[in-house]
Amino acid sequence: MSDKVLMENMLLLLKSTTEVFVHGSLESSTKAVHNVIKNGLDDIIKLQDDLYNKMTECGWYKVQNVESKCIKQTLRKLESNN
């Protein structure tokens, strides 16, 4: 398995773990539990950010800039659906 595939899998795992931590923090029954989960969430977000940056450096995670014209068209389309 290539480094790229391993890092993609790690990124997906971190993203799904983030969701668990978010829900856990929202549903926590005490402030102490909330703080523990929030600290874990902060750690997971940092790991995800570090991994994303490394993948971007390697050219494995490409980000495209979207023209403001495209954003405005999409917003108009969404607004017309409501």
N, C-alpha and C. Protein backbone atom coordinates (compact mmCIF):
# COMPACT_ATOMS: atom_id res chain seq x y z
N MET A 1 0.85 -1.17 0.00
CA MET A 1 0.00 0.00 0.00
C MET A 1 0.90 1.24 0.00
N SER A 2 0.56 2.21 -0.83
CA SER A 2 1.39 3.42 -0.95
C SER A 2 1.16 4.38 0.22
N ASP A 3 2.12 5.28 0.40
CA ASP A 3 1.99 6.30 1.44
C ASP A 3 0.74 7.14 1.21
N LYS A 4 0.46 7.44 -0.06
CA LYS A 4 -0.71 8.25 -0.38
C LYS A 4 -1.99 7.58 0.09
N VAL A 5 -2.13 6.29 -0.20
CA VAL A 5 -3.33 5.56 0.20
C VAL A 5 -3.43 5.48 1.72
N LEU A 6 -2.31 5.22 2.37
CA LEU A 6 -2.32 5.18 3.84
C LEU A 6 -2.75 6.52 4.43
N MET A 7 -2.22 7.60 3.89
CA MET A 7 -2.57 8.93 4.41
C MET A 7 -4.02 9.29 4.11
N GLU A 8 -4.52 8.88 2.95
CA GLU A 8 -5.93 9.11 2.63
C GLU A 8 -6.82 8.37 3.63
N ASN A 9 -6.46 7.13 3.94
CA ASN A 9 -7.23 6.36 4.91
C ASN A 9 -7.15 6.98 6.31
N MET A 10 -5.96 7.45 6.68
CA MET A 10 -5.82 8.12 7.97
C MET A 10 -6.67 9.38 8.04
N LEU A 11 -6.69 10.13 6.95
CA LEU A 11 -7.48 11.36 6.91
C LEU A 11 -8.97 11.05 7.06
N LEU A 12 -9.44 10.03 6.37
CA LEU A 12 -10.85 9.63 6.50
C LEU A 12 -11.16 9.18 7.93
N LEU A 13 -10.25 8.44 8.53
CA LEU A 13 -10.46 8.00 9.91
C LEU A 13 -10.51 9.18 10.86
N LEU A 14 -9.61 10.13 10.68
CA LEU A 14 -9.61 11.32 11.54
C LEU A 14 -10.90 12.13 11.36
N LYS A 15 -11.38 12.23 10.13
CA LYS A 15 -12.62 12.98 9.89
C LYS A 15 -13.80 12.30 10.58
N SER A 16 -13.88 10.98 10.49
CA SER A 16 -15.01 10.29 11.13
C SER A 16 -14.88 10.34 12.65
N THR A 17 -13.64 10.29 13.15
CA THR A 17 -13.42 10.40 14.60
C THR A 17 -13.84 11.78 15.09
N THR A 18 -13.58 12.80 14.27
CA THR A 18 -13.99 14.16 14.63
C THR A 18 -15.49 14.23 14.85
N GLU A 19 -16.25 13.58 13.97
CA GLU A 19 -17.71 13.57 14.11
C GLU A 19 -18.13 12.96 15.44
N VAL A 20 -17.47 11.87 15.83
CA VAL A 20 -17.79 11.21 17.09
C VAL A 20 -17.52 12.14 18.27
N PHE A 21 -16.38 12.82 18.22
CA PHE A 21 -16.03 13.74 19.30
C PHE A 21 -16.99 14.93 19.35
N VAL A 22 -17.41 15.44 18.21
CA VAL A 22 -18.36 16.55 18.19
C VAL A 22 -19.67 16.13 18.85
N HIS A 23 -20.19 14.99 18.44
CA HIS A 23 -21.45 14.52 19.02
C HIS A 23 -21.28 14.23 20.52
N GLY A 24 -20.14 13.67 20.88
CA GLY A 24 -19.88 13.40 22.29
C GLY A 24 -19.86 14.67 23.12
N SER A 25 -19.25 15.71 22.58
CA SER A 25 -19.19 16.96 23.34
C SER A 25 -20.57 17.60 23.45
N LEU A 26 -21.36 17.47 22.41
CA LEU A 26 -22.72 18.02 22.46
C LEU A 26 -23.62 17.28 23.44
N GLU A 27 -23.40 15.99 23.57
CA GLU A 27 -24.25 15.15 24.41
C GLU A 27 -23.68 14.89 25.80
N SER A 28 -22.52 15.44 26.11
CA SER A 28 -21.87 15.15 27.39
C SER A 28 -22.75 15.62 28.55
N SER A 29 -22.75 14.79 29.59
CA SER A 29 -23.66 15.04 30.70
C SER A 29 -23.09 15.97 31.77
N THR A 30 -21.79 16.10 31.83
CA THR A 30 -21.18 16.98 32.83
C THR A 30 -20.11 17.85 32.17
N LYS A 31 -19.75 18.90 32.85
CA LYS A 31 -18.71 19.80 32.35
C LYS A 31 -17.37 19.07 32.26
N ALA A 32 -17.09 18.20 33.22
CA ALA A 32 -15.82 17.46 33.21
C ALA A 32 -15.73 16.55 31.98
N VAL A 33 -16.81 15.85 31.67
CA VAL A 33 -16.84 14.97 30.49
C VAL A 33 -16.71 15.82 29.23
N HIS A 34 -17.43 16.92 29.21
CA HIS A 34 -17.37 17.83 28.06
C HIS A 34 -15.94 18.30 27.82
N ASN A 35 -15.24 18.68 28.88
CA ASN A 35 -13.88 19.18 28.74
C ASN A 35 -12.92 18.11 28.23
N VAL A 36 -13.08 16.88 28.72
CA VAL A 36 -12.22 15.78 28.25
C VAL A 36 -12.46 15.54 26.76
N ILE A 37 -13.72 15.50 26.37
CA ILE A 37 -14.03 15.26 24.95
C ILE A 37 -13.57 16.43 24.09
N LYS A 38 -13.75 17.65 24.59
CA LYS A 38 -13.30 18.82 23.82
C LYS A 38 -11.79 18.81 23.63
N ASN A 39 -11.05 18.44 24.66
CA ASN A 39 -9.60 18.35 24.52
C ASN A 39 -9.22 17.30 23.48
N GLY A 40 -9.92 16.17 23.50
CA GLY A 40 -9.69 15.13 22.50
C GLY A 40 -10.02 15.65 21.10
N LEU A 41 -11.11 16.39 20.98
CA LEU A 41 -11.50 16.97 19.70
C LEU A 41 -10.44 17.93 19.19
N ASP A 42 -9.92 18.77 20.07
CA ASP A 42 -8.85 19.69 19.69
C ASP A 42 -7.63 18.93 19.16
N ASP A 43 -7.28 17.83 19.82
CA ASP A 43 -6.14 17.01 19.38
C ASP A 43 -6.41 16.39 18.01
N ILE A 44 -7.61 15.88 17.81
CA ILE A 44 -7.96 15.25 16.53
C ILE A 44 -7.93 16.29 15.40
N ILE A 45 -8.45 17.48 15.67
CA ILE A 45 -8.45 18.53 14.65
C ILE A 45 -7.02 18.92 14.29
N LYS A 46 -6.14 19.00 15.28
CA LYS A 46 -4.73 19.31 15.01
C LYS A 46 -4.09 18.21 14.16
N LEU A 47 -4.34 16.95 14.50
CA LEU A 47 -3.79 15.85 13.71
C LEU A 47 -4.30 15.90 12.27
N GLN A 48 -5.59 16.17 12.12
CA GLN A 48 -6.18 16.24 10.78
C GLN A 48 -5.55 17.37 9.99
N ASP A 49 -5.35 18.50 10.62
CA ASP A 49 -4.75 19.65 9.95
C ASP A 49 -3.30 19.35 9.53
N ASP A 50 -2.54 18.73 10.44
CA ASP A 50 -1.15 18.37 10.12
C ASP A 50 -1.10 17.38 8.95
N LEU A 51 -1.96 16.39 8.97
CA LEU A 51 -1.99 15.40 7.90
C LEU A 51 -2.41 16.02 6.58
N TYR A 52 -3.43 16.86 6.62
CA TYR A 52 -3.88 17.57 5.41
C TYR A 52 -2.74 18.39 4.82
N ASN A 53 -2.02 19.13 5.67
CA ASN A 53 -0.90 19.95 5.20
C ASN A 53 0.19 19.10 4.57
N LYS A 54 0.50 17.97 5.17
CA LYS A 54 1.52 17.08 4.62
C LYS A 54 1.07 16.52 3.27
N MET A 55 -0.19 16.12 3.17
CA MET A 55 -0.71 15.60 1.90
C MET A 55 -0.68 16.68 0.82
N THR A 56 -0.98 17.92 1.21
CA THR A 56 -0.94 19.03 0.26
C THR A 56 0.49 19.27 -0.22
N GLU A 57 1.44 19.22 0.71
CA GLU A 57 2.85 19.38 0.35
C GLU A 57 3.29 18.33 -0.67
N CYS A 58 2.80 17.11 -0.50
CA CYS A 58 3.17 16.00 -1.39
C CYS A 58 2.38 16.03 -2.70
N GLY A 59 1.40 16.93 -2.80
CA GLY A 59 0.59 17.02 -4.01
C GLY A 59 -0.51 15.98 -4.06
N TRP A 60 -0.82 15.36 -2.93
CA TRP A 60 -1.83 14.30 -2.88
C TRP A 60 -3.22 14.82 -2.53
N TYR A 61 -3.32 16.03 -2.11
CA TYR A 61 -4.61 16.63 -1.74
C TYR A 61 -4.65 17.98 -2.42
N LYS A 62 -5.31 18.04 -3.53
CA LYS A 62 -5.32 19.26 -4.32
C LYS A 62 -6.55 20.11 -3.99
N VAL A 63 -6.31 21.39 -3.85
CA VAL A 63 -7.37 22.34 -3.56
C VAL A 63 -7.51 23.26 -4.76
N GLN A 64 -8.73 23.44 -5.20
CA GLN A 64 -8.98 24.35 -6.32
C GLN A 64 -9.65 25.62 -5.80
N ASN A 65 -9.19 26.73 -6.32
CA ASN A 65 -9.86 27.99 -6.02
C ASN A 65 -11.07 28.10 -6.93
N VAL A 66 -12.16 28.53 -6.36
CA VAL A 66 -13.40 28.68 -7.12
C VAL A 66 -13.61 30.17 -7.39
N GLU A 67 -13.91 30.48 -8.62
CA GLU A 67 -14.16 31.87 -8.97
C GLU A 67 -15.42 32.36 -8.27
N SER A 68 -15.40 33.63 -7.88
CA SER A 68 -16.56 34.19 -7.18
C SER A 68 -17.81 34.12 -8.06
N LYS A 69 -17.64 34.18 -9.37
CA LYS A 69 -18.77 34.06 -10.30
C LYS A 69 -19.50 32.73 -10.10
N CYS A 70 -18.74 31.65 -9.95
CA CYS A 70 -19.34 30.32 -9.74
C CYS A 70 -20.07 30.25 -8.40
N ILE A 71 -19.48 30.88 -7.40
CA ILE A 71 -20.12 30.89 -6.07
C ILE A 71 -21.44 31.64 -6.14
N LYS A 72 -21.45 32.78 -6.80
CA LYS A 72 -22.67 33.58 -6.92
C LYS A 72 -23.74 32.84 -7.70
N GLN A 73 -23.34 32.13 -8.76
CA GLN A 73 -24.31 31.34 -9.53
C GLN A 73 -24.92 30.25 -8.67
N THR A 74 -24.10 29.58 -7.89
CA THR A 74 -24.60 28.52 -7.02
C THR A 74 -25.54 29.08 -5.96
N LEU A 75 -25.19 30.21 -5.39
CA LEU A 75 -26.05 30.85 -4.39
C LEU A 75 -27.41 31.23 -5.01
N ARG A 76 -27.39 31.80 -6.20
CA ARG A 76 -28.66 32.15 -6.87
C ARG A 76 -29.50 30.91 -7.12
N LYS A 77 -28.84 29.84 -7.54
CA LYS A 77 -29.55 28.59 -7.81
C LYS A 77 -30.19 28.04 -6.53
N LEU A 78 -29.44 28.07 -5.43
CA LEU A 78 -29.97 27.58 -4.16
C LEU A 78 -31.12 28.47 -3.67
N GLU A 79 -30.97 29.78 -3.82
CA GLU A 79 -32.01 30.70 -3.39
C GLU A 79 -33.28 30.52 -4.20
N SER A 80 -33.15 30.20 -5.47
CA SER A 80 -34.34 30.02 -6.31
C SER A 80 -35.08 28.73 -5.98
N ASN A 81 -34.40 27.79 -5.34
CA ASN A 81 -35.03 26.52 -4.95
C ASN A 81 -35.84 26.65 -3.67
N ASN A 82 -35.67 27.73 -2.94
CA ASN A 82 -36.39 27.91 -1.67
C ASN A 82 -37.64 28.66 -1.85
